[in-house]
Amino acid sequence: MFLSTYENKLDKKGRVSVPASFRSYLSNLGYNGVICYPSFNNSSIEACSQDRIEKISS
């Protein structure tokens, strides 16, 4: 789990970059991406893997 605060801007296509240290770690675990969504409890954005989203929806 990553617990950090980053202030970032959206690019022209509406994307935000993920910090290199996160990308490297996730890549080593075999993740090819993350799913981001507004937090239900905080004024933040949360992210997780597709597997986690499937477990949550079950």
Protein backbone atom coordinates (compact mmCIF):
# COMPACT_ATOMS: atom_id res chain seq x y z
CA MET A 1 0.00 0.00 0.00
CA PHE A 2 1.21 3.48 -0.85
CA LEU A 3 0.33 6.29 1.46
CA SER A 4 1.60 9.57 0.11
CA THR A 5 0.49 12.99 -0.96
CA TYR A 6 1.30 14.31 -4.40
CA GLU A 7 0.06 17.44 -6.06
CA ASN A 8 -0.01 17.04 -9.78
CA LYS A 9 -1.69 18.54 -12.82
CA LEU A 10 -3.63 16.88 -15.59
CA ASP A 11 -2.05 16.81 -19.02
CA LYS A 12 -3.87 17.95 -22.18
CA LYS A 13 -5.58 14.55 -22.44
CA GLY A 14 -6.82 14.63 -18.82
CA ARG A 15 -4.22 12.19 -17.49
CA VAL A 16 -2.08 12.38 -14.39
CA SER A 17 1.32 10.76 -14.04
CA VAL A 18 2.08 8.12 -11.43
CA PRO A 19 5.35 8.67 -9.52
CA ALA A 20 8.25 6.64 -11.00
CA SER A 21 8.88 4.79 -7.73
CA PHE A 22 5.26 3.56 -7.73
CA ARG A 23 5.43 2.51 -11.39
CA SER A 24 8.65 0.62 -10.81
CA TYR A 25 7.32 -1.23 -7.77
CA LEU A 26 4.02 -2.13 -9.46
CA SER A 27 5.83 -3.28 -12.59
CA ASN A 28 7.97 -5.64 -10.51
CA LEU A 29 4.75 -7.14 -9.09
CA GLY A 30 3.37 -7.74 -12.58
CA TYR A 31 0.77 -4.94 -12.60
CA ASN A 32 0.29 -3.25 -15.94
CA GLY A 33 -1.79 -0.41 -14.54
CA VAL A 34 -3.98 0.85 -11.75
CA ILE A 35 -7.59 1.99 -11.53
CA CYS A 36 -8.15 5.36 -9.87
CA TYR A 37 -11.40 6.60 -8.39
CA PRO A 38 -12.62 9.31 -6.02
CA SER A 39 -12.38 8.22 -2.40
CA PHE A 40 -15.63 7.44 -0.65
CA ASN A 41 -14.20 8.59 2.70
CA ASN A 42 -11.66 11.33 1.98
CA SER A 43 -11.18 14.24 -0.38
CA SER A 44 -8.63 12.29 -2.40
CA ILE A 45 -8.20 9.85 -5.23
CA GLU A 46 -7.68 6.18 -4.42
CA ALA A 47 -6.16 3.57 -6.71
CA CYS A 48 -5.93 -0.20 -6.81
CA SER A 49 -5.42 -3.12 -9.17
CA GLN A 50 -8.10 -4.68 -11.37
CA ASP A 51 -8.07 -7.73 -9.05
CA ARG A 52 -8.90 -5.55 -6.06
CA ILE A 53 -11.75 -3.84 -7.92
CA GLU A 54 -13.20 -7.26 -8.76
CA LYS A 55 -12.99 -8.32 -5.09
CA ILE A 56 -14.69 -5.09 -3.99
CA SER A 57 -17.51 -5.54 -6.50
CA SER A 58 -18.07 -9.13 -5.37
